Amino acid sequence: MPRTAAGVQSATACLVEGGWGTYRQFHPTFAFYAQQPNCHPMVAEDETGRVLGTAVSTSWGSSGWLGHVFVSPELRGRGLGKELTEHAIQLLRGEGCGTIQLIATALGRPVYDRLGFEVETHYHEYRGTTLPRSVPMAPLRPLLPVDLDGVLSMDARVAGEDRSGALRPLFMSGWVLPGRSRPAGIVVPTPWGGCLATQLPETVGAEAQAVLRALRSLSALGDEVWVYPTTENAIARELLSSQGFEEVRMIPRLVLGPRVAWIPQAVWSPLGLGLG
């Protein structure tokens, strides 16, 4: 995909016109990919230049992610999704990624299974309502420049990957849950709506409620908020259910190659469903 406004627009249109979301959701997503040197958005085009399929590979060093593998409805079942996926895998292998991960849709799952991906865990998609921007955030506070190193270190510990290049542009809009000597949690709004949200398991219940308040206040897709805790994060799932959130579906996280050392029970919502 050309890293241009026209390239972003064409890739976004493929997904939206194919029924997979909105321009509000995917235009900021592909614009972000276009600005990140470790993200490689790719497209398949017909002879007129119309985009027929997309895929994005993101390298975090020794591991990487696949995302937004999409094929226009009229071309499904012809092998284009497999071709895009294999090309993205080859690109990541060439960048030294021994581990490749993704969050699978039902449409893509058969392709990933045949390529050797295995289920590692699931994200649970919860839907609820937002809270006003004026809701109290304490004990969370806005992130400050002095927090940067600690937050990046905590994210690397939770994710098992160095995502600092992607987080730096988003950093100053985020909030931090201070710990005794280092951050214990973060809630960082993303351009495509929703938030990256993590909370270390050793924190207490009152702090978990503050993390959820921040998620509901800072998420930016209308009156609804979507949260994606892992199966291992029982605290988040129980709290979401108790506050009236509806569990909509479970989405498998798949892995090809050695598993990274991460902390799944700390994840309230990932950076993005194509980024981990």
C-alpha atoms as a PDB file:
ATOM      1  CA  MET A   1       0.000   0.000   0.000  1.00  0.00           C
ATOM      2  CA  PRO A   2       1.397   3.428  -0.861  1.00  0.00           C
ATOM      3  CA  ARG A   3       2.016   5.393   2.342  1.00  0.00           C
ATOM      4  CA  THR A   4      -0.056   8.263   0.969  1.00  0.00           C
ATOM      5  CA  ALA A   5      -3.482   9.762   1.601  1.00  0.00           C
ATOM      6  CA  ALA A   6      -4.772   8.018  -1.530  1.00  0.00           C
ATOM      7  CA  GLY A   7      -3.296   4.698  -0.409  1.00  0.00           C
ATOM      8  CA  VAL A   8      -4.913   4.987   3.011  1.00  0.00           C
ATOM      9  CA  GLN A   9      -8.255   5.912   1.464  1.00  0.00           C
ATOM     10  CA  SER A  10      -8.229   2.997  -1.001  1.00  0.00           C
ATOM     11  CA  ALA A  11      -7.386   0.408   1.652  1.00  0.00           C
ATOM     12  CA  THR A  12     -10.015   1.817   4.000  1.00  0.00           C
ATOM     13  CA  ALA A  13     -12.659   1.781   1.275  1.00  0.00           C
ATOM     14  CA  CYS A  14     -12.012  -1.908   0.605  1.00  0.00           C
ATOM     15  CA  LEU A  15     -12.859  -2.834   4.195  1.00  0.00           C
ATOM     16  CA  VAL A  16     -15.791  -0.467   4.621  1.00  0.00           C
ATOM     17  CA  GLU A  17     -17.425  -1.274   1.287  1.00  0.00           C
ATOM     18  CA  GLY A  18     -16.925  -4.949   2.091  1.00  0.00           C
ATOM     19  CA  GLY A  19     -18.996  -4.565   5.257  1.00  0.00           C
ATOM     20  CA  TRP A  20     -16.224  -4.785   7.851  1.00  0.00           C
ATOM     21  CA  GLY A  21     -16.602  -1.507   9.741  1.00  0.00           C
ATOM     22  CA  THR A  22     -16.701   2.253   9.287  1.00  0.00           C
ATOM     23  CA  TYR A  23     -14.473   4.984   7.901  1.00  0.00           C
ATOM     24  CA  ARG A  24     -14.299   6.444  11.423  1.00  0.00           C
ATOM     25  CA  GLN A  25     -12.744   3.187  12.583  1.00  0.00           C
ATOM     26  CA  PHE A  26     -10.464   2.165   9.730  1.00  0.00           C
ATOM     27  CA  HIS A  27      -9.216   5.426   8.204  1.00  0.00           C
ATOM     28  CA  PRO A  28      -7.276   6.324  11.399  1.00  0.00           C
ATOM     29  CA  THR A  29      -6.084   2.717  11.583  1.00  0.00           C
ATOM     30  CA  PHE A  30      -4.524   2.661   8.120  1.00  0.00           C
ATOM     31  CA  ALA A  31      -3.230   6.216   8.533  1.00  0.00           C
ATOM     32  CA  PHE A  32      -1.414   5.010  11.653  1.00  0.00           C
ATOM     33  CA  TYR A  33       0.019   2.027   9.773  1.00  0.00           C
ATOM     34  CA  ALA A  34       1.224   4.324   6.996  1.00  0.00           C
ATOM     35  CA  GLN A  35       3.155   6.436   9.513  1.00  0.00           C
ATOM     36  CA  GLN A  36       4.817   3.535  11.343  1.00  0.00           C
ATOM     37  CA  PRO A  37       8.027   2.219   9.723  1.00  0.00           C
ATOM     38  CA  ASN A  38       7.633  -1.200  11.364  1.00  0.00           C
ATOM     39  CA  CYS A  39       4.084  -1.595   9.970  1.00  0.00           C
ATOM     40  CA  HIS A  40       3.753  -2.887   6.415  1.00  0.00           C
ATOM     41  CA  PRO A  41       0.243  -2.455   4.987  1.00  0.00           C
ATOM     42  CA  MET A  42      -0.219  -4.311   1.725  1.00  0.00           C
ATOM     43  CA  VAL A  43      -3.026  -4.512  -0.808  1.00  0.00           C
ATOM     44  CA  ALA A  44      -4.101  -6.653  -3.747  1.00  0.00           C
ATOM     45  CA  GLU A  45      -5.471  -4.664  -6.696  1.00  0.00           C
ATOM     46  CA  ASP A  46      -7.256  -5.420  -9.942  1.00  0.00           C
ATOM     47  CA  GLU A  47      -6.103  -4.074 -13.307  1.00  0.00           C
ATOM     48  CA  THR A  48      -7.897  -0.757 -12.669  1.00  0.00           C
ATOM     49  CA  GLY A  49      -6.165  -0.188  -9.345  1.00  0.00           C
ATOM     50  CA  ARG A  50      -9.203  -1.000  -7.201  1.00  0.00           C
ATOM     51  CA  VAL A  51      -8.171  -2.599  -3.918  1.00  0.00           C
ATOM     52  CA  LEU A  52      -9.535  -6.150  -3.584  1.00  0.00           C
ATOM     53  CA  GLY A  53      -7.820  -7.252  -0.386  1.00  0.00           C
ATOM     54  CA  THR A  54      -5.617  -6.034   2.441  1.00  0.00           C
ATOM     55  CA  ALA A  55      -3.183  -7.335   5.039  1.00  0.00           C
ATOM     56  CA  VAL A  56      -0.857  -5.649   7.516  1.00  0.00           C
ATOM     57  CA  SER A  57       2.302  -7.063   9.057  1.00  0.00           C
ATOM     58  CA  THR A  58       3.904  -5.383  12.070  1.00  0.00           C
ATOM     59  CA  SER A  59       7.340  -6.267  13.376  1.00  0.00           C
ATOM     60  CA  TRP A  60       8.100  -5.844  17.078  1.00  0.00           C
ATOM     61  CA  GLY A  61      11.596  -7.297  16.735  1.00  0.00           C
ATOM     62  CA  SER A  62      11.776 -11.049  17.309  1.00  0.00           C
ATOM     63  CA  SER A  63       7.984 -11.321  17.081  1.00  0.00           C
ATOM     64  CA  GLY A  64       5.381  -9.798  14.824  1.00  0.00           C
ATOM     65  CA  TRP A  65       1.663  -9.473  14.172  1.00  0.00           C
ATOM     66  CA  LEU A  66      -0.675  -9.943  11.228  1.00  0.00           C
ATOM     67  CA  GLY A  67      -3.818  -7.867  11.031  1.00  0.00           C
ATOM     68  CA  HIS A  68      -6.618  -6.664   8.811  1.00  0.00           C
ATOM     69  CA  VAL A  69      -6.416  -9.589   6.420  1.00  0.00           C
ATOM     70  CA  PHE A  70      -9.501  -8.849   4.346  1.00  0.00           C
ATOM     71  CA  VAL A  71     -10.817  -9.908   0.934  1.00  0.00           C
ATOM     72  CA  SER A  72     -13.710  -8.301  -0.918  1.00  0.00           C
ATOM     73  CA  PRO A  73     -16.803 -10.523  -0.564  1.00  0.00           C
ATOM     74  CA  GLU A  74     -17.071 -11.336  -4.286  1.00  0.00           C
ATOM     75  CA  LEU A  75     -13.547 -12.830  -4.310  1.00  0.00           C
ATOM     76  CA  ARG A  76     -13.646 -14.965  -1.194  1.00  0.00           C
ATOM     77  CA  GLY A  77     -12.865 -18.651  -1.498  1.00  0.00           C
ATOM     78  CA  ARG A  78     -10.376 -18.163  -4.349  1.00  0.00           C
ATOM     79  CA  GLY A  79      -7.166 -18.180  -2.320  1.00  0.00           C
ATOM     80  CA  LEU A  80      -6.503 -14.441  -2.160  1.00  0.00           C
ATOM     81  CA  GLY A  81      -6.683 -14.369   1.638  1.00  0.00           C
ATOM     82  CA  LYS A  82      -4.166 -17.206   1.864  1.00  0.00           C
ATOM     83  CA  GLU A  83      -1.876 -15.454  -0.616  1.00  0.00           C
ATOM     84  CA  LEU A  84      -1.977 -12.190   1.349  1.00  0.00           C
ATOM     85  CA  THR A  85      -1.363 -14.031   4.622  1.00  0.00           C
ATOM     86  CA  GLU A  86       1.589 -15.985   3.246  1.00  0.00           C
ATOM     87  CA  HIS A  87       3.129 -12.835   1.806  1.00  0.00           C
ATOM     88  CA  ALA A  88       2.790 -11.076   5.167  1.00  0.00           C
ATOM     89  CA  ILE A  89       4.365 -14.044   6.960  1.00  0.00           C
ATOM     90  CA  GLN A  90       7.301 -14.064   4.536  1.00  0.00           C
ATOM     91  CA  LEU A  91       7.822 -10.364   5.107  1.00  0.00           C
ATOM     92  CA  LEU A  92       7.909 -10.834   8.891  1.00  0.00           C
ATOM     93  CA  ARG A  93      10.250 -13.811   8.615  1.00  0.00           C
ATOM     94  CA  GLY A  94      12.557 -11.653   6.521  1.00  0.00           C
ATOM     95  CA  GLU A  95      12.638  -9.104   9.335  1.00  0.00           C
ATOM     96  CA  GLY A  96      13.683 -11.725  11.872  1.00  0.00           C
ATOM     97  CA  CYS A  97      10.333 -12.498  13.483  1.00  0.00           C
ATOM     98  CA  GLY A  98      10.484 -16.057  14.806  1.00  0.00           C
ATOM     99  CA  THR A  99       7.017 -15.712  16.344  1.00  0.00           C
ATOM    100  CA  ILE A 100       3.965 -14.489  14.440  1.00  0.00           C
ATOM    101  CA  GLN A 101       0.669 -13.716  16.158  1.00  0.00           C
ATOM    102  CA  LEU A 102      -2.798 -12.611  15.127  1.00  0.00           C
ATOM    103  CA  ILE A 103      -6.352 -12.253  16.337  1.00  0.00           C
ATOM    104  CA  ALA A 104      -8.509 -14.386  14.072  1.00  0.00           C
ATOM    105  CA  THR A 105     -11.907 -13.796  12.547  1.00  0.00           C
ATOM    106  CA  ALA A 106     -14.153 -16.747  11.787  1.00  0.00           C
ATOM    107  CA  LEU A 107     -13.619 -16.190   8.047  1.00  0.00           C
ATOM    108  CA  GLY A 108      -9.846 -16.295   8.318  1.00  0.00           C
ATOM    109  CA  ARG A 109      -9.529 -19.081  10.860  1.00  0.00           C
ATOM    110  CA  PRO A 110      -9.440 -22.010   8.369  1.00  0.00           C
ATOM    111  CA  VAL A 111      -6.566 -20.356   6.482  1.00  0.00           C
ATOM    112  CA  TYR A 112      -4.583 -19.806   9.675  1.00  0.00           C
ATOM    113  CA  ASP A 113      -5.188 -23.353  10.890  1.00  0.00           C
ATOM    114  CA  ARG A 114      -3.836 -24.782   7.640  1.00  0.00           C
ATOM    115  CA  LEU A 115      -0.737 -22.589   7.938  1.00  0.00           C
ATOM    116  CA  GLY A 116       0.042 -24.046  11.362  1.00  0.00           C
ATOM    117  CA  PHE A 117      -1.217 -21.345  13.731  1.00  0.00           C
ATOM    118  CA  GLU A 118      -2.352 -22.529  17.181  1.00  0.00           C
ATOM    119  CA  VAL A 119      -4.762 -21.012  19.700  1.00  0.00           C
ATOM    120  CA  GLU A 120      -2.978 -19.349  22.603  1.00  0.00           C
ATOM    121  CA  THR A 121      -5.886 -17.649  24.379  1.00  0.00           C
ATOM    122  CA  HIS A 122      -9.033 -15.638  23.655  1.00  0.00           C
ATOM    123  CA  TYR A 123     -10.069 -12.014  23.898  1.00  0.00           C
ATOM    124  CA  HIS A 124     -13.610 -11.526  25.225  1.00  0.00           C
ATOM    125  CA  GLU A 125     -15.456  -8.727  23.442  1.00  0.00           C
ATOM    126  CA  TYR A 126     -17.652  -6.750  25.843  1.00  0.00           C
ATOM    127  CA  ARG A 127     -20.028  -3.970  24.872  1.00  0.00           C
ATOM    128  CA  GLY A 128     -21.195  -1.283  27.290  1.00  0.00           C
ATOM    129  CA  THR A 129     -21.904   2.417  27.608  1.00  0.00           C
ATOM    130  CA  THR A 130     -19.475   5.300  27.912  1.00  0.00           C
ATOM    131  CA  LEU A 131     -19.178   7.647  30.887  1.00  0.00           C
ATOM    132  CA  PRO A 132     -18.874  11.459  30.775  1.00  0.00           C
ATOM    133  CA  ARG A 133     -15.426  12.961  30.240  1.00  0.00           C
ATOM    134  CA  SER A 134     -15.871  14.621  33.652  1.00  0.00           C
ATOM    135  CA  VAL A 135     -15.943  11.323  35.584  1.00  0.00           C
ATOM    136  CA  PRO A 136     -13.342  11.169  38.415  1.00  0.00           C
ATOM    137  CA  MET A 137     -10.218   9.273  37.338  1.00  0.00           C
ATOM    138  CA  ALA A 138      -8.349   8.987  40.651  1.00  0.00           C
ATOM    139  CA  PRO A 139      -6.120   7.188  41.470  1.00  0.00           C
ATOM    140  CA  LEU A 140      -5.208   7.413  37.773  1.00  0.00           C
ATOM    141  CA  ARG A 141      -3.585  10.654  36.621  1.00  0.00           C
ATOM    142  CA  PRO A 142      -2.522  12.049  33.227  1.00  0.00           C
ATOM    143  CA  LEU A 143       0.753  10.750  31.849  1.00  0.00           C
ATOM    144  CA  LEU A 144       3.725  13.113  32.070  1.00  0.00           C
ATOM    145  CA  PRO A 145       7.035  13.046  30.182  1.00  0.00           C
ATOM    146  CA  VAL A 146       8.741  11.719  33.310  1.00  0.00           C
ATOM    147  CA  ASP A 147       6.519   8.604  33.066  1.00  0.00           C
ATOM    148  CA  LEU A 148       7.604   7.610  29.560  1.00  0.00           C
ATOM    149  CA  ASP A 149      10.397   5.164  30.372  1.00  0.00           C
ATOM    150  CA  GLY A 150       8.392   3.445  33.099  1.00  0.00           C
ATOM    151  CA  VAL A 151       5.306   3.094  30.929  1.00  0.00           C
ATOM    152  CA  LEU A 152       7.265   1.693  27.990  1.00  0.00           C
ATOM    153  CA  SER A 153       8.980  -0.761  30.331  1.00  0.00           C
ATOM    154  CA  MET A 154       5.638  -1.876  31.778  1.00  0.00           C
ATOM    155  CA  ASP A 155       4.123  -2.295  28.317  1.00  0.00           C
ATOM    156  CA  ALA A 156       7.092  -4.403  27.197  1.00  0.00           C
ATOM    157  CA  ARG A 157       6.659  -6.568  30.284  1.00  0.00           C
ATOM    158  CA  VAL A 158       2.915  -7.042  29.711  1.00  0.00           C
ATOM    159  CA  ALA A 159       3.066  -7.516  25.925  1.00  0.00           C
ATOM    160  CA  GLY A 160       6.347  -9.416  25.827  1.00  0.00           C
ATOM    161  CA  GLU A 161       7.286  -7.141  22.917  1.00  0.00           C
ATOM    162  CA  ASP A 162       8.912  -3.754  22.382  1.00  0.00           C
ATOM    163  CA  ARG A 163       6.079  -1.573  21.061  1.00  0.00           C
ATOM    164  CA  SER A 164       7.681   1.716  22.046  1.00  0.00           C
ATOM    165  CA  GLY A 165       7.693   3.097  18.504  1.00  0.00           C
ATOM    166  CA  ALA A 166       3.913   2.762  18.278  1.00  0.00           C
ATOM    167  CA  LEU A 167       3.216   4.006  21.805  1.00  0.00           C
ATOM    168  CA  ARG A 168       5.308   7.168  21.759  1.00  0.00           C
ATOM    169  CA  PRO A 169       2.946   9.078  19.412  1.00  0.00           C
ATOM    170  CA  LEU A 170      -0.035   8.146  21.640  1.00  0.00           C
ATOM    171  CA  PHE A 171       1.661   8.642  24.995  1.00  0.00           C
ATOM    172  CA  MET A 172       0.628  12.143  26.026  1.00  0.00           C
ATOM    173  CA  SER A 173      -3.114  11.454  25.715  1.00  0.00           C
ATOM    174  CA  GLY A 174      -2.908   8.571  28.187  1.00  0.00           C
ATOM    175  CA  TRP A 175      -3.434   8.059  31.903  1.00  0.00           C
ATOM    176  CA  VAL A 176      -1.324   6.100  34.363  1.00  0.00           C
ATOM    177  CA  LEU A 177      -2.112   4.128  37.506  1.00  0.00           C
ATOM    178  CA  PRO A 178       0.903   4.864  39.734  1.00  0.00           C
ATOM    179  CA  GLY A 179       2.470   1.960  41.607  1.00  0.00           C
ATOM    180  CA  ARG A 180       4.902   1.965  44.495  1.00  0.00           C
ATOM    181  CA  SER A 181       7.997   2.397  42.364  1.00  0.00           C
ATOM    182  CA  ARG A 182       6.726   2.015  38.788  1.00  0.00           C
ATOM    183  CA  PRO A 183       3.487   2.256  36.804  1.00  0.00           C
ATOM    184  CA  ALA A 184       0.877  -0.342  37.716  1.00  0.00           C
ATOM    185  CA  GLY A 185      -1.458   0.318  34.802  1.00  0.00           C
ATOM    186  CA  ILE A 186      -2.193   2.537  31.813  1.00  0.00           C
ATOM    187  CA  VAL A 187      -5.191   3.609  29.764  1.00  0.00           C
ATOM    188  CA  VAL A 188      -4.196   5.178  26.435  1.00  0.00           C
ATOM    189  CA  PRO A 189      -6.797   6.280  23.850  1.00  0.00           C
ATOM    190  CA  THR A 190      -6.119   5.169  20.283  1.00  0.00           C
ATOM    191  CA  PRO A 191      -6.939   7.117  17.094  1.00  0.00           C
ATOM    192  CA  TRP A 192      -9.308   4.388  15.871  1.00  0.00           C
ATOM    193  CA  GLY A 193     -11.444   4.454  19.038  1.00  0.00           C
ATOM    194  CA  GLY A 194     -11.154   2.498  22.236  1.00  0.00           C
ATOM    195  CA  CYS A 195      -8.055   2.359  24.404  1.00  0.00           C
ATOM    196  CA  LEU A 196      -5.007   0.313  25.156  1.00  0.00           C
ATOM    197  CA  ALA A 197      -5.590  -0.652  28.787  1.00  0.00           C
ATOM    198  CA  THR A 198      -3.450  -2.795  31.066  1.00  0.00           C
ATOM    199  CA  GLN A 199      -3.282  -3.291  34.815  1.00  0.00           C
ATOM    200  CA  LEU A 200      -0.713  -5.431  36.587  1.00  0.00           C
ATOM    201  CA  PRO A 201      -2.321  -8.374  38.424  1.00  0.00           C
ATOM    202  CA  GLU A 202      -1.003  -7.374  41.871  1.00  0.00           C
ATOM    203  CA  THR A 203      -3.164  -4.232  41.975  1.00  0.00           C
ATOM    204  CA  VAL A 204      -6.367  -4.119  44.053  1.00  0.00           C
ATOM    205  CA  GLY A 205     -10.057  -4.102  43.195  1.00  0.00           C
ATOM    206  CA  ALA A 206     -10.623  -0.369  43.702  1.00  0.00           C
ATOM    207  CA  GLU A 207      -7.889   0.322  41.177  1.00  0.00           C
ATOM    208  CA  ALA A 208      -9.551  -2.029  38.698  1.00  0.00           C
ATOM    209  CA  GLN A 209     -12.746   0.002  38.986  1.00  0.00           C
ATOM    210  CA  ALA A 210     -10.739   3.159  38.241  1.00  0.00           C
ATOM    211  CA  VAL A 211      -9.254   1.534  35.135  1.00  0.00           C
ATOM    212  CA  LEU A 212     -12.748   0.683  33.908  1.00  0.00           C
ATOM    213  CA  ARG A 213     -13.975   4.233  34.601  1.00  0.00           C
ATOM    214  CA  ALA A 214     -11.107   5.567  32.512  1.00  0.00           C
ATOM    215  CA  LEU A 215     -11.863   3.127  29.701  1.00  0.00           C
ATOM    216  CA  ARG A 216     -15.504   4.171  29.646  1.00  0.00           C
ATOM    217  CA  SER A 217     -14.656   7.864  29.738  1.00  0.00           C
ATOM    218  CA  LEU A 218     -11.782   7.974  27.242  1.00  0.00           C
ATOM    219  CA  SER A 219     -13.095   5.644  24.525  1.00  0.00           C
ATOM    220  CA  ALA A 220     -14.313   7.606  21.542  1.00  0.00           C
ATOM    221  CA  LEU A 221     -16.789   5.683  19.379  1.00  0.00           C
ATOM    222  CA  GLY A 222     -20.111   7.333  20.182  1.00  0.00           C
ATOM    223  CA  ASP A 223     -22.133   6.183  23.179  1.00  0.00           C
ATOM    224  CA  GLU A 224     -20.757   2.642  23.209  1.00  0.00           C
ATOM    225  CA  VAL A 225     -17.464   1.311  24.492  1.00  0.00           C
ATOM    226  CA  TRP A 226     -15.868  -1.991  23.527  1.00  0.00           C
ATOM    227  CA  VAL A 227     -13.446  -3.752  25.871  1.00  0.00           C
ATOM    228  CA  TYR A 228     -11.383  -6.874  25.092  1.00  0.00           C
ATOM    229  CA  PRO A 229      -9.936  -8.554  28.206  1.00  0.00           C
ATOM    230  CA  THR A 230      -8.209 -11.894  27.869  1.00  0.00           C
ATOM    231  CA  THR A 231      -9.597 -15.133  29.257  1.00  0.00           C
ATOM    232  CA  GLU A 232      -6.919 -14.947  31.954  1.00  0.00           C
ATOM    233  CA  ASN A 233      -8.084 -11.516  33.187  1.00  0.00           C
ATOM    234  CA  ALA A 234     -10.893 -12.751  35.417  1.00  0.00           C
ATOM    235  CA  ILE A 235     -10.938  -9.497  37.425  1.00  0.00           C
ATOM    236  CA  ALA A 236     -11.777  -7.448  34.337  1.00  0.00           C
ATOM    237  CA  ARG A 237     -14.388  -9.865  33.025  1.00  0.00           C
ATOM    238  CA  GLU A 238     -16.168 -10.115  36.385  1.00  0.00           C
ATOM    239  CA  LEU A 239     -16.181  -6.342  36.833  1.00  0.00           C
ATOM    240  CA  LEU A 240     -17.458  -5.730  33.312  1.00  0.00           C
ATOM    241  CA  SER A 241     -20.310  -8.187  33.829  1.00  0.00           C
ATOM    242  CA  SER A 242     -21.202  -6.638  37.188  1.00  0.00           C
ATOM    243  CA  GLN A 243     -21.467  -3.188  35.570  1.00  0.00           C
ATOM    244  CA  GLY A 244     -23.865  -4.287  32.871  1.00  0.00           C
ATOM    245  CA  PHE A 245     -21.487  -4.959  29.997  1.00  0.00           C
ATOM    246  CA  GLU A 246     -22.632  -7.612  27.522  1.00  0.00           C
ATOM    247  CA  GLU A 247     -20.180 -10.259  26.367  1.00  0.00           C
ATOM    248  CA  VAL A 248     -20.669 -10.360  22.603  1.00  0.00           C
ATOM    249  CA  ARG A 249     -18.142 -12.960  21.464  1.00  0.00           C
ATOM    250  CA  MET A 250     -14.781 -14.595  22.074  1.00  0.00           C
ATOM    251  CA  ILE A 251     -11.979 -13.964  19.576  1.00  0.00           C
ATOM    252  CA  PRO A 252      -9.019 -16.380  19.425  1.00  0.00           C
ATOM    253  CA  ARG A 253      -5.440 -15.167  19.631  1.00  0.00           C
ATOM    254  CA  LEU A 254      -3.305 -17.451  17.456  1.00  0.00           C
ATOM    255  CA  VAL A 255       0.446 -17.973  17.391  1.00  0.00           C
ATOM    256  CA  LEU A 256       2.881 -19.468  14.888  1.00  0.00           C
ATOM    257  CA  GLY A 257       6.264 -20.298  16.389  1.00  0.00           C
ATOM    258  CA  PRO A 258       7.569 -19.987  19.970  1.00  0.00           C
ATOM    259  CA  ARG A 259       5.237 -18.197  22.366  1.00  0.00           C
ATOM    260  CA  VAL A 260       6.333 -14.864  23.769  1.00  0.00           C
ATOM    261  CA  ALA A 261       6.589 -14.332  27.534  1.00  0.00           C
ATOM    262  CA  TRP A 262       3.744 -11.924  28.236  1.00  0.00           C
ATOM    263  CA  ILE A 263       1.204 -11.296  31.044  1.00  0.00           C
ATOM    264  CA  PRO A 264      -2.260 -12.047  29.617  1.00  0.00           C
ATOM    265  CA  GLN A 265      -4.028 -11.487  32.944  1.00  0.00           C
ATOM    266  CA  ALA A 266      -2.920  -7.829  32.801  1.00  0.00           C
ATOM    267  CA  VAL A 267      -4.696  -7.065  29.504  1.00  0.00           C
ATOM    268  CA  TRP A 268      -7.991  -5.180  29.623  1.00  0.00           C
ATOM    269  CA  SER A 269      -7.860  -4.148  25.973  1.00  0.00           C
ATOM    270  CA  PRO A 270      -5.061  -4.601  23.419  1.00  0.00           C
ATOM    271  CA  LEU A 271      -3.393  -1.802  21.497  1.00  0.00           C
ATOM    272  CA  GLY A 272      -5.370  -2.924  18.463  1.00  0.00           C
ATOM    273  CA  LEU A 273      -6.805  -6.140  17.087  1.00  0.00           C
ATOM    274  CA  GLY A 274      -4.124  -6.036  14.403  1.00  0.00           C
ATOM    275  CA  LEU A 275      -1.285  -5.018  16.716  1.00  0.00           C
ATOM    276  CA  GLY A 276      -1.631  -7.090  19.890  1.00  0.00           C
END
